[in-house]
Structure formats: structure tokens, C-alpha cells
Amino acid sequence: MRYAAIPLLLALISTTYAGAQSTPPAKPSAKPTPASARTEAKPAAKPVARPAIVKVSQANAPTFDANTYERISQAMLSYTVIEVRGGWPALPAKAKLAPGSSGPEVALLRQRLAITDDLPAEKAEGDVYDDAVVAAVKLFQMRHGLEESGVVGPQTLAAMNVPVKKRIRQLAATLDRMAEMNLSNFAFGQRYVVVNIPAAVAEAVENDGVKRRYVVVVGKTDRPSPTLTTSITAINFNPTWTVPLGILKKDIVTKMRKDPGYVGRMRMRVLDARGEEIDARSVDWNSDRAPNFTVRQDAGNGNALGALRIDMPNSYSVYMHDTNHKEFFSKDYRFASSGCTRVADVRDLAAWLLEDNGGWDRKQVDATIAKATSSTTRLTRKVPVAWVYFTGWVTRDEIVHFRDDIYNHDEIKGRPLVSQVAKPPVQTAARASGFVLQSADSTPVIKQVSYLDSQ
């Protein structure tokens, strides 16, 4: 949506924003094989092709730049105007909306798309699903991270029927998190990396534009990826993997209790406090005491980190890396890691990160991995990186984007309203209209309130 601030109207508004939690798309159930098919002779098995990586937008505008905060603030104002005017119409759950169709449901769709500027206002009237509506639906789908089919399927319909109040809440919560992370002080530099966790996407940004956008897999809902800012310092080729304590207790110990051969089969070594290898059979895997040993997986085939790890020192001990489970890159729902970020085509990202080192390109990255020995190359220039949790944001082309609140950070049950505490507030449109964040300053000057998100 391309927005316009309307401050006089918004001075009258003070609203608490909360919305129903979004849910990941349901997985289709497999159809049973007919009996006749089961009795027929089967042809010779064909090699299994690697699943295609899901397509994501390659638009030039980055998710996060120096003006993101101001743009989100302006979008909040515009969406609040929409709310004051009654919001947007809900489309019937069983609506038949496809190119070429016509009728009152299509007329309602056109009105819905025009309200958020997906469809030009002058084309809002009518009841035919024409090319203009197809283009508008594709724009809506792009803004919400959906397949750009131009057809209103179940996921698109669900996104269209999310109430405006929840969309405002997403924008407000994103602003709160930006303030909490102190992102106004992020060192953008000429080159930087952004991971937006709800979108499950990473961006390599150079000269204010997205050099490439990568599909990623981030943390599960019960093992969420953290938000952070730091710098990428090195590339580890053919890394070993020292299993984090949490994964050791939750996964490795549990599997060893059921399958004593698991560690050996996964090419893992059990190490004592001195780092010396011990026999896995000497460990009491049934003990509930904290482990006094570590488990390290050898580099090479089957390693959980794949062929490459991107080092980025941080207090959460997370990083970006390759993976031996590339099948997740073909899925829309990519929340399957234990907190780290798995990157599709991570070798391409590594080559970009190493450009300033001289002599590094994709061919050199592949050759280094092919040596099958563990090595580390430090970046000549550190590259800033931010892992953010944006469920609502605005890019510099004035397009408002939304993603599902997969970790339920936007709505924390039981969280009280927080009185504004501030010095003279920063003069953004959001602050001028009362959406001033608690984390701004220290001297109370405003009575209006906002939810304050915390992770």
C-alpha cells in the first residue's frame, strides 16, 4: 500500500491493537494408493531430483534500511485511517474468485484490493475478475509472501480477511522491537546482511539495494531464532559441529536411550572435559544429571552444518550455515531449525561475503569445499548483520509487507498497557500521533500508551 499521513484525523485516535494469531498453512494429506496400483509391476526407480527452492521476490528494496522506522510510522497512520473509515470488507469463506469470474463477490474483491492500493482506485468499480484484478492480487500476494498466482486461494483469502486492527498491531509491534533492539544505531555500511525471521528470508544488501535474497530455514516455534545485531567475521569450510547443550539434552540423549548406535552412525564423537574421545558405551545415557561430556560431529557427509558455516559472534551462539536437509527450502513453512539460520545456496552468500578478500568467487568457494578439509577464512572487512522480527514493514518503494507472527511475539497474553515514558519525543509521524514507544527516552511527557513487545 502506498500511504499518506493524515495527522489531523489521527490526533483523535487512541487504540489498543491486538489480533488473532495467524497459523501456518496446513499440510495437504497424502491420497491413498488404489489397490489396483499396488498390485501392478513397478518401473525401475528413477533418481530422486532435489526439490526446487521456493521462489521469493528479488525486488531491489531491502527489508531494513536507515528509513524503515519512519516508513512504518507513516504506514500506521494510513492504516489507522482505514480503520476509522470502517476497515475493509471480509470476503466470503466460500467465495469463488478466479480470473474470468464475475458477480458480487468479485465486486467485493475489487473494493478490498482498492482500499490497500493493490488495485488503483479508479478501477475499484466493476464485478469482473479481469487482468487488472489479477495484477492486483499478485501484488497483494507479493506483499504477504504468498505465491504470486493471481488467483485467490485459501491462503490469500485468509490474508485478505485479517482485520485492519491486527495489521496495525503488527506495524506497532515491529516499531517496538526496533526500539528495543536499538536498530537506529545499526551500522549499515556499504554492505550488510538482514535475516527477517517471520519471512524466513535473508538479504545480502549492497549500495542500498538487495544484491540477492535467499530462502532460509529459521527456528522452530519451541526453539525460536533470536533477534540480534552483530558482524560476520569468518567463513568456516567443512566445519565440524559441536552439539549445543540444549540439543544434546533434548535430542541426542533421548535418541541414545532408544538407539545406542545413533552417535556412531551419525559420525559423532563423545568427548570428555579435556576434549579427549571416550567410548559412547561408557556414558550413562539414562542419567538425568547435566552431561559432563560434549558430542562433536565430524565434518563431511551428513554433518548438520553441511559444507559451510558463517561465523557471527553473539551471545546466543547462533550462526548461518549450510545444511544436509535441503528439502525444507522447497516449503512455504520454513520454521524447522533449533535457532540457527540455514541458508539455501549458502555458497553464493559466502562468495559475496568474501569479495573484499580478493581472489574469492563462487568457483574458489567450491574448490575450497572440495578439498574436504576443515579451514577458516576471516573476512578482510566485517559485514554487519541483523536478525530481525518484522511482521509488518514498509520498503522504500512504499509497499507495505506483512508476515504471520509465527512466534506470537506481536500478542503476548497478559501483557499490560505501558504508560509512555519519554523525553521530548523524536518527531516522526508515529510519535506525533501518539504511537510513542516506551523505550524512547526518560522524562514523562505524554499520557498516551502503546503495547511494548518483549521476547
Protein backbone atom coordinates (compact mmCIF):
# COMPACT_ATOMS: atom_id res chain seq x y z
CA MET A 1 0.00 0.00 0.00
CA ARG A 2 1.24 3.47 -0.84
CA TYR A 3 0.38 5.58 2.12
CA ALA A 4 -0.33 9.21 3.02
CA ALA A 5 -0.18 10.64 6.55
CA ILE A 6 -3.35 12.28 7.84
CA PRO A 7 -2.28 13.68 11.21
CA LEU A 8 -5.32 15.88 11.94
CA LEU A 9 -7.68 12.91 11.86
CA LEU A 10 -5.34 10.69 13.80
CA ALA A 11 -4.97 13.09 16.70
CA LEU A 12 -8.41 11.86 17.79
CA ILE A 13 -7.39 8.20 17.85
CA SER A 14 -6.06 6.15 20.71
CA THR A 15 -6.47 2.45 20.16
CA THR A 16 -5.05 -0.73 21.64
CA TYR A 17 -4.07 -3.06 18.89
CA ALA A 18 -4.31 -6.80 19.21
CA GLY A 19 -5.16 -9.54 16.77
CA ALA A 20 -5.83 -13.19 16.47
CA GLN A 21 -2.76 -15.30 15.95
CA SER A 22 -2.03 -16.46 12.45
CA THR A 23 -1.44 -20.11 11.75
CA PRO A 24 0.95 -21.80 9.34
CA PRO A 25 -0.58 -23.27 6.20
CA ALA A 26 -1.99 -26.75 6.64
CA LYS A 27 -0.08 -29.57 5.04
CA PRO A 28 -2.05 -31.49 2.40
CA SER A 29 -2.80 -35.06 3.31
CA ALA A 30 -1.48 -37.79 1.08
CA LYS A 31 -4.03 -39.68 -1.02
CA PRO A 32 -4.16 -43.47 -0.51
CA THR A 33 -2.81 -45.59 -3.34
CA PRO A 34 -5.56 -47.58 -5.09
CA ALA A 35 -5.35 -51.33 -4.59
CA SER A 36 -5.04 -51.89 -8.33
CA ALA A 37 -1.98 -49.68 -8.45
CA ARG A 38 -0.35 -51.57 -5.60
CA THR A 39 -0.59 -54.90 -7.45
CA GLU A 40 0.92 -53.67 -10.72
CA ALA A 41 4.59 -54.14 -11.52
CA LYS A 42 6.58 -51.02 -10.66
CA PRO A 43 9.01 -49.45 -13.15
CA ALA A 44 12.67 -49.08 -12.25
CA ALA A 45 13.27 -46.35 -9.69
CA LYS A 46 14.44 -43.04 -11.11
CA PRO A 47 16.98 -40.81 -9.39
CA VAL A 48 15.25 -38.52 -6.91
CA ALA A 49 15.54 -34.92 -8.02
CA ARG A 50 16.41 -32.33 -5.37
CA PRO A 51 13.31 -30.29 -4.52
CA ALA A 52 13.25 -26.88 -6.13
CA ILE A 53 13.89 -23.92 -3.85
CA VAL A 54 10.72 -21.96 -3.23
CA LYS A 55 10.60 -18.67 -5.12
CA VAL A 56 10.89 -15.41 -3.22
CA SER A 57 10.76 -11.86 -4.50
CA GLN A 58 14.02 -10.46 -5.85
CA ALA A 59 12.86 -6.83 -5.57
CA ASN A 60 15.71 -4.40 -5.06
CA ALA A 61 14.36 -2.66 -1.92
CA PRO A 62 15.72 -4.19 1.33
CA THR A 63 13.50 -5.15 4.25
CA PHE A 64 15.55 -3.00 6.62
CA ASP A 65 17.39 0.24 5.93
CA ALA A 66 18.03 3.57 7.63
CA ASN A 67 14.50 4.88 6.98
CA THR A 68 12.46 1.79 7.85
CA TYR A 69 11.23 3.18 11.18
CA GLU A 70 9.82 6.36 9.64
CA ARG A 71 8.10 4.48 6.83
CA ILE A 72 6.41 2.06 9.23
CA SER A 73 5.27 5.00 11.34
CA GLN A 74 3.65 6.59 8.30
CA ALA A 75 2.00 3.32 7.30
CA MET A 76 0.50 3.02 10.78
CA LEU A 77 -1.20 6.35 10.24
CA SER A 78 -2.62 5.33 6.89
CA TYR A 79 -3.89 2.00 8.21
CA THR A 80 -5.43 3.78 11.19
CA VAL A 81 -7.34 5.99 8.75
CA ILE A 82 -8.63 2.82 7.08
CA GLU A 83 -9.77 1.57 10.49
CA VAL A 84 -11.57 4.83 11.24
CA ARG A 85 -13.40 4.53 7.93
CA GLY A 86 -14.62 1.05 8.83
CA GLY A 87 -11.78 -1.17 7.69
CA TRP A 88 -12.06 -3.40 4.65
CA PRO A 89 -14.81 -5.88 3.76
CA ALA A 90 -14.47 -9.56 4.62
CA LEU A 91 -14.69 -11.87 1.64
CA PRO A 92 -16.99 -14.92 1.96
CA ALA A 93 -15.14 -18.05 3.01
CA LYS A 94 -16.55 -20.00 0.05
CA ALA A 95 -16.10 -17.21 -2.48
CA LYS A 96 -15.21 -18.40 -5.98
CA LEU A 97 -12.58 -15.91 -7.06
CA ALA A 98 -10.57 -16.72 -10.15
CA PRO A 99 -9.67 -14.93 -13.39
CA GLY A 100 -12.67 -14.63 -15.68
CA SER A 101 -15.28 -14.93 -12.95
CA SER A 102 -17.81 -12.21 -12.21
CA GLY A 103 -20.51 -11.29 -9.74
CA PRO A 104 -20.97 -9.59 -6.36
CA GLU A 105 -18.08 -11.47 -4.75
CA VAL A 106 -15.68 -10.15 -7.39
CA ALA A 107 -17.10 -6.66 -6.88
CA LEU A 108 -16.32 -7.02 -3.17
CA LEU A 109 -12.81 -8.25 -4.01
CA ARG A 110 -12.17 -5.19 -6.15
CA GLN A 111 -13.24 -2.93 -3.28
CA ARG A 112 -11.00 -4.84 -0.87
CA LEU A 113 -7.95 -4.53 -3.12
CA ALA A 114 -8.53 -0.84 -3.79
CA ILE A 115 -8.61 0.02 -0.08
CA THR A 116 -5.00 -1.10 0.32
CA ASP A 117 -3.92 0.33 -3.05
CA ASP A 118 -3.27 -3.07 -4.57
CA LEU A 119 -5.83 -2.06 -7.21
CA PRO A 120 -5.86 1.54 -8.46
CA ALA A 121 -8.81 3.48 -7.03
CA GLU A 122 -10.16 4.30 -10.48
CA LYS A 123 -10.58 0.55 -11.14
CA ALA A 124 -12.39 -0.27 -7.91
CA GLU A 125 -15.81 -0.40 -9.55
CA GLY A 126 -16.97 -3.42 -11.52
CA ASP A 127 -17.68 -7.08 -10.93
CA VAL A 128 -15.34 -8.84 -13.38
CA TYR A 129 -12.12 -10.64 -12.43
CA ASP A 130 -10.10 -9.06 -15.24
CA ASP A 131 -6.39 -8.54 -15.87
CA ALA A 132 -6.32 -5.55 -13.52
CA VAL A 133 -7.62 -7.72 -10.68
CA VAL A 134 -5.10 -10.47 -11.50
CA ALA A 135 -2.27 -7.93 -11.25
CA ALA A 136 -3.69 -6.53 -8.01
CA VAL A 137 -3.97 -9.99 -6.45
CA LYS A 138 -0.37 -10.74 -7.44
CA LEU A 139 0.77 -7.52 -5.76
CA PHE A 140 -1.19 -8.44 -2.62
CA GLN A 141 0.36 -11.92 -2.65
CA MET A 142 3.86 -10.48 -3.04
CA ARG A 143 3.29 -8.16 -0.08
CA HIS A 144 2.27 -11.13 2.08
CA GLY A 145 4.94 -13.61 0.99
CA LEU A 146 2.49 -15.80 -0.92
CA GLU A 147 2.84 -17.48 -4.30
CA GLU A 148 2.11 -14.85 -6.92
CA SER A 149 -0.52 -16.82 -8.83
CA GLY A 150 -3.12 -14.09 -9.31
CA VAL A 151 -5.76 -16.49 -8.01
CA VAL A 152 -7.43 -16.05 -4.62
CA GLY A 153 -6.80 -19.40 -2.96
CA PRO A 154 -7.31 -20.28 0.73
CA GLN A 155 -4.08 -18.64 1.97
CA THR A 156 -4.66 -15.44 0.01
CA LEU A 157 -8.28 -15.29 1.16
CA ALA A 158 -7.20 -15.74 4.78
CA ALA A 159 -4.64 -12.93 4.46
CA MET A 160 -7.22 -10.61 2.88
CA ASN A 161 -9.62 -11.22 5.74
CA VAL A 162 -7.14 -10.36 8.50
CA PRO A 163 -8.73 -7.27 10.13
CA VAL A 164 -7.05 -3.90 9.84
CA LYS A 165 -6.68 -3.72 13.63
CA LYS A 166 -4.34 -6.69 13.54
CA ARG A 167 -2.32 -5.19 10.69
CA ILE A 168 -1.87 -2.00 12.71
CA ARG A 169 -0.80 -4.14 15.66
CA GLN A 170 1.85 -5.82 13.51
CA LEU A 171 3.27 -2.48 12.43
CA ALA A 172 3.23 -1.16 16.01
CA ALA A 173 4.89 -4.29 17.39
CA THR A 174 7.61 -4.07 14.76
CA LEU A 175 8.31 -0.49 15.80
CA ASP A 176 8.50 -1.59 19.43
CA ARG A 177 11.01 -4.31 18.58
CA MET A 178 13.10 -1.92 16.51
CA ALA A 179 13.31 0.39 19.52
CA GLU A 180 14.14 -2.48 21.88
CA MET A 181 16.94 -3.64 19.57
CA ASN A 182 18.21 -0.07 19.24
CA LEU A 183 18.23 -0.54 15.48
CA SER A 184 18.61 3.20 14.97
CA ASN A 185 22.29 2.61 15.81
CA PHE A 186 22.77 -0.32 13.44
CA ALA A 187 25.94 0.12 11.37
CA PHE A 188 24.52 -0.35 7.88
CA GLY A 189 27.69 0.26 5.91
CA GLN A 190 28.03 -0.28 2.17
CA ARG A 191 27.31 -3.99 2.60
CA TYR A 192 25.21 -5.73 5.22
CA VAL A 193 23.02 -8.80 5.75
CA VAL A 194 19.45 -8.93 7.05
CA VAL A 195 17.52 -12.01 8.16
CA ASN A 196 13.81 -11.38 8.69
CA ILE A 197 12.70 -14.31 10.81
CA PRO A 198 8.91 -14.28 10.13
CA ALA A 199 9.59 -14.10 6.38
CA ALA A 200 12.24 -16.87 6.55
CA VAL A 201 14.34 -14.84 4.13
CA ALA A 202 17.86 -13.37 4.18
CA GLU A 203 19.12 -10.45 2.14
CA ALA A 204 22.62 -9.51 1.02
CA VAL A 205 22.44 -5.72 0.72
CA GLU A 206 24.99 -3.69 -1.18
CA ASN A 207 24.87 0.03 -2.06
CA ASP A 208 21.35 0.29 -0.62
CA GLY A 209 19.98 -2.47 -2.83
CA VAL A 210 19.38 -6.19 -2.41
CA LYS A 211 22.18 -7.97 -4.23
CA ARG A 212 20.37 -11.26 -3.68
CA ARG A 213 17.57 -12.56 -1.49
CA TYR A 214 17.97 -16.06 -0.01
CA VAL A 215 15.45 -18.61 1.17
CA VAL A 216 16.29 -19.64 4.73
CA VAL A 217 15.08 -22.00 7.44
CA VAL A 218 14.86 -20.49 10.93
CA GLY A 219 13.98 -21.71 14.42
CA LYS A 220 11.00 -23.83 15.37
CA THR A 221 8.27 -22.27 17.47
CA ASP A 222 9.63 -24.04 20.55
CA ARG A 223 13.24 -23.20 19.63
CA PRO A 224 12.90 -19.72 18.15
CA SER A 225 15.67 -17.84 16.42
CA PRO A 226 16.73 -14.77 18.41
CA THR A 227 16.82 -11.18 17.22
CA LEU A 228 20.31 -9.71 17.26
CA THR A 229 22.83 -7.43 15.61
CA THR A 230 26.49 -8.29 15.19
CA SER A 231 29.09 -8.66 12.42
CA ILE A 232 30.02 -11.58 10.21
CA THR A 233 33.71 -12.25 10.75
CA ALA A 234 34.68 -15.53 9.06
CA ILE A 235 33.68 -18.46 6.86
CA ASN A 236 34.28 -22.00 8.13
CA PHE A 237 34.70 -24.55 5.35
CA ASN A 238 33.87 -28.20 6.02
CA PRO A 239 33.14 -27.47 9.68
CA THR A 240 32.74 -29.92 12.50
CA TRP A 241 29.66 -29.46 14.68
CA THR A 242 29.84 -29.35 18.46
CA VAL A 243 26.30 -30.14 19.58
CA PRO A 244 24.88 -27.35 21.78
CA LEU A 245 23.92 -28.38 25.28
CA GLY A 246 20.20 -27.84 24.68
CA ILE A 247 20.17 -30.06 21.61
CA LEU A 248 22.37 -32.59 23.38
CA LYS A 249 19.87 -32.95 26.21
CA LYS A 250 16.68 -32.74 24.15
CA ASP A 251 17.71 -34.74 21.10
CA ILE A 252 20.95 -36.71 21.36
CA VAL A 253 20.42 -38.15 24.84
CA THR A 254 16.82 -39.07 24.01
CA LYS A 255 17.87 -40.85 20.82
CA MET A 256 20.73 -42.67 22.51
CA ARG A 257 18.34 -44.07 25.10
CA LYS A 258 16.35 -45.67 22.31
CA ASP A 259 19.17 -46.40 19.89
CA PRO A 260 22.67 -46.90 21.42
CA GLY A 261 24.22 -46.91 17.96
CA TYR A 262 22.91 -43.49 16.98
CA VAL A 263 26.03 -41.47 17.82
CA GLY A 264 28.34 -43.77 15.89
CA ARG A 265 26.03 -43.96 12.90
CA MET A 266 25.84 -40.15 12.72
CA ARG A 267 29.66 -39.89 12.77
CA MET A 268 29.63 -38.21 16.18
CA ARG A 269 32.31 -38.45 18.83
CA VAL A 270 31.79 -38.23 22.58
CA LEU A 271 34.43 -36.07 24.27
CA ASP A 272 35.29 -35.72 27.95
CA ALA A 273 36.02 -32.46 29.77
CA ARG A 274 39.58 -32.47 28.38
CA GLY A 275 38.35 -32.86 24.81
CA GLU A 276 39.51 -36.44 24.54
CA GLU A 277 37.30 -39.02 22.86
CA ILE A 278 35.62 -41.59 25.07
CA ASP A 279 33.56 -44.68 24.28
CA ALA A 280 29.88 -43.77 23.95
CA ARG A 281 29.05 -47.00 25.76
CA SER A 282 30.77 -45.68 28.88
CA VAL A 283 28.20 -42.88 29.22
CA ASP A 284 25.09 -43.35 31.33
CA TRP A 285 22.57 -42.00 28.82
CA ASN A 286 19.70 -42.66 31.24
CA SER A 287 21.06 -40.25 33.85
CA ASP A 288 19.07 -37.08 34.48
CA ARG A 289 22.16 -35.18 35.59
CA ALA A 290 23.66 -32.43 33.43
CA PRO A 291 26.00 -34.00 30.87
CA ASN A 292 29.69 -33.83 31.77
CA PHE A 293 30.69 -34.52 28.18
CA THR A 294 30.27 -32.98 24.75
CA VAL A 295 29.35 -34.50 21.41
CA ARG A 296 31.06 -33.41 18.19
CA GLN A 297 30.07 -34.44 14.69
CA ASP A 298 32.81 -34.98 12.13
CA ALA A 299 32.97 -32.78 9.06
CA GLY A 300 31.78 -34.15 5.76
CA ASN A 301 28.73 -36.03 4.56
CA GLY A 302 25.82 -35.92 6.96
CA ASN A 303 27.20 -33.05 9.03
CA ALA A 304 24.35 -30.91 10.35
CA LEU A 305 26.12 -27.72 9.24
CA GLY A 306 26.71 -29.00 5.73
CA ALA A 307 29.81 -27.77 3.95
CA LEU A 308 29.95 -24.23 5.30
CA ARG A 309 29.31 -22.11 8.38
CA ILE A 310 29.18 -18.31 8.56
CA ASP A 311 30.62 -17.08 11.86
CA MET A 312 28.98 -14.11 13.57
CA PRO A 313 29.95 -13.79 17.27
CA ASN A 314 26.92 -13.29 19.52
CA SER A 315 25.66 -14.18 22.98
CA TYR A 316 23.14 -16.71 21.61
CA SER A 317 25.80 -18.88 19.92
CA VAL A 318 23.81 -18.95 16.68
CA TYR A 319 25.10 -18.60 13.15
CA MET A 320 24.18 -19.07 9.50
CA HIS A 321 25.11 -22.28 7.74
CA ASP A 322 24.60 -24.89 5.07
CA THR A 323 22.52 -27.98 5.85
CA ASN A 324 22.15 -31.62 4.93
CA HIS A 325 18.33 -31.16 4.98
CA LYS A 326 17.81 -29.09 1.85
CA GLU A 327 14.26 -30.36 1.40
CA PHE A 328 12.96 -27.63 3.71
CA PHE A 329 13.97 -24.94 1.20
CA SER A 330 11.13 -26.03 -1.06
CA LYS A 331 8.48 -25.41 1.59
CA ASP A 332 6.48 -22.29 2.41
CA TYR A 333 6.65 -23.12 6.14
CA ARG A 334 10.36 -22.93 6.98
CA PHE A 335 10.50 -22.89 10.77
CA ALA A 336 12.39 -26.10 11.45
CA SER A 337 15.82 -25.34 12.94
CA SER A 338 16.94 -25.18 16.57
CA GLY A 339 17.62 -21.45 16.35
CA CYS A 340 20.33 -21.06 13.71
CA THR A 341 19.63 -19.93 10.15
CA ARG A 342 20.07 -22.45 7.36
CA VAL A 343 20.66 -20.74 4.01
CA ALA A 344 19.77 -22.06 0.57
CA ASP A 345 22.72 -21.62 -1.80
CA VAL A 346 24.88 -20.54 1.11
CA ARG A 347 27.98 -20.92 -1.07
CA ASP A 348 26.78 -17.98 -3.15
CA LEU A 349 26.37 -15.89 0.02
CA ALA A 350 29.84 -16.91 1.21
CA ALA A 351 31.38 -15.83 -2.10
CA TRP A 352 29.67 -12.43 -1.77
CA LEU A 353 30.89 -12.04 1.81
CA LEU A 354 34.47 -12.82 0.75
CA GLU A 355 34.57 -10.43 -2.22
CA ASP A 356 36.65 -7.87 -0.31
CA ASN A 357 39.26 -10.53 0.46
CA GLY A 358 40.37 -10.63 -3.17
CA GLY A 359 40.59 -13.78 -5.28
CA TRP A 360 37.35 -15.20 -3.93
CA ASP A 361 34.38 -16.10 -6.08
CA ARG A 362 31.91 -18.98 -6.23
CA LYS A 363 34.44 -21.16 -8.04
CA GLN A 364 37.01 -20.65 -5.28
CA VAL A 365 34.42 -21.41 -2.59
CA ASP A 366 33.52 -24.68 -4.33
CA ALA A 367 37.19 -25.60 -4.73
CA THR A 368 37.89 -24.98 -1.05
CA ILE A 369 35.00 -27.20 -0.01
CA ALA A 370 36.09 -29.89 -2.46
CA LYS A 371 39.38 -30.24 -0.56
CA ALA A 372 37.32 -31.91 2.22
CA THR A 373 39.49 -30.41 4.95
CA SER A 374 38.32 -28.04 7.65
CA SER A 375 39.57 -24.48 7.29
CA THR A 376 38.60 -20.94 8.23
CA THR A 377 38.92 -17.76 6.19
CA ARG A 378 38.48 -14.49 8.05
CA LEU A 379 36.80 -11.60 6.27
CA THR A 380 39.09 -8.69 5.45
CA ARG A 381 36.17 -6.42 6.32
CA LYS A 382 33.50 -7.47 8.77
CA VAL A 383 29.97 -7.36 7.39
CA PRO A 384 27.19 -6.10 9.71
CA VAL A 385 24.26 -8.49 10.14
CA ALA A 386 20.83 -8.07 11.74
CA TRP A 387 18.35 -10.81 12.57
CA VAL A 388 15.05 -9.00 12.91
CA TYR A 389 11.46 -9.97 13.66
CA PHE A 390 9.36 -7.80 11.34
CA THR A 391 5.75 -8.93 10.90
CA GLY A 392 4.84 -5.60 9.30
CA TRP A 393 7.24 -3.30 7.47
CA VAL A 394 7.48 -0.88 4.57
CA THR A 395 10.13 -0.86 1.85
CA ARG A 396 11.36 2.30 0.17
CA ASP A 397 9.05 1.71 -2.81
CA GLU A 398 6.24 2.43 -0.30
CA ILE A 399 4.95 -1.16 -0.34
CA VAL A 400 3.64 -2.40 3.00
CA HIS A 401 4.52 -6.03 3.75
CA PHE A 402 3.09 -8.44 6.31
CA ARG A 403 4.02 -11.92 7.52
CA ASP A 404 2.48 -14.33 10.02
CA ASP A 405 3.51 -13.83 13.64
CA ILE A 406 4.93 -17.33 13.85
CA TYR A 407 6.37 -16.96 17.38
CA ASN A 408 3.38 -15.00 18.75
CA HIS A 409 5.61 -12.04 19.64
CA ASP A 410 3.08 -9.45 18.50
CA GLU A 411 0.49 -10.55 21.03
CA ILE A 412 1.75 -11.54 24.45
CA LYS A 413 -1.19 -12.56 26.61
CA GLY A 414 -1.41 -10.83 29.94
CA ARG A 415 0.89 -8.00 28.93
CA PRO A 416 -0.42 -4.76 30.46
CA LEU A 417 -0.64 -1.41 28.76
CA VAL A 418 2.54 0.53 29.34
CA SER A 419 2.44 4.26 30.03
CA GLN A 420 4.63 6.33 27.78
CA VAL A 421 7.90 7.36 29.37
CA ALA A 422 9.85 9.83 27.29
CA LYS A 423 11.87 12.96 26.94
CA PRO A 424 10.81 15.27 24.13
CA PRO A 425 9.91 12.59 21.59
CA VAL A 426 11.58 12.06 18.27
CA GLN A 427 9.44 13.86 15.69
CA THR A 428 8.26 11.05 13.50
CA ALA A 429 4.70 10.82 12.28
CA ALA A 430 4.00 7.87 14.57
CA ARG A 431 5.25 9.71 17.63
CA ALA A 432 3.38 12.89 16.72
CA SER A 433 0.13 10.94 16.60
CA GLY A 434 0.59 9.23 19.96
CA PHE A 435 2.32 6.00 18.99
CA VAL A 436 5.42 6.81 21.02
CA LEU A 437 7.41 3.82 22.23
CA GLN A 438 8.33 3.27 25.85
CA SER A 439 11.98 2.73 25.01
CA ALA A 440 12.41 6.21 23.55
CA ASP A 441 13.65 8.37 26.45
CA SER A 442 13.31 9.03 30.18
CA THR A 443 11.18 12.08 31.15
CA PRO A 444 7.37 11.58 31.18
CA VAL A 445 5.74 13.99 28.75
CA ILE A 446 2.91 12.03 27.10
CA LYS A 447 -0.08 10.22 28.57
CA GLN A 448 -0.96 8.05 25.59
CA VAL A 449 0.04 4.40 25.66
CA SER A 450 1.23 1.57 23.48
CA TYR A 451 1.89 -2.11 23.91
CA LEU A 452 5.54 -2.86 24.49
CA ASP A 453 6.66 -6.14 22.98
CA SER A 454 9.24 -8.30 24.66
CA GLN A 455 10.78 -11.55 23.63
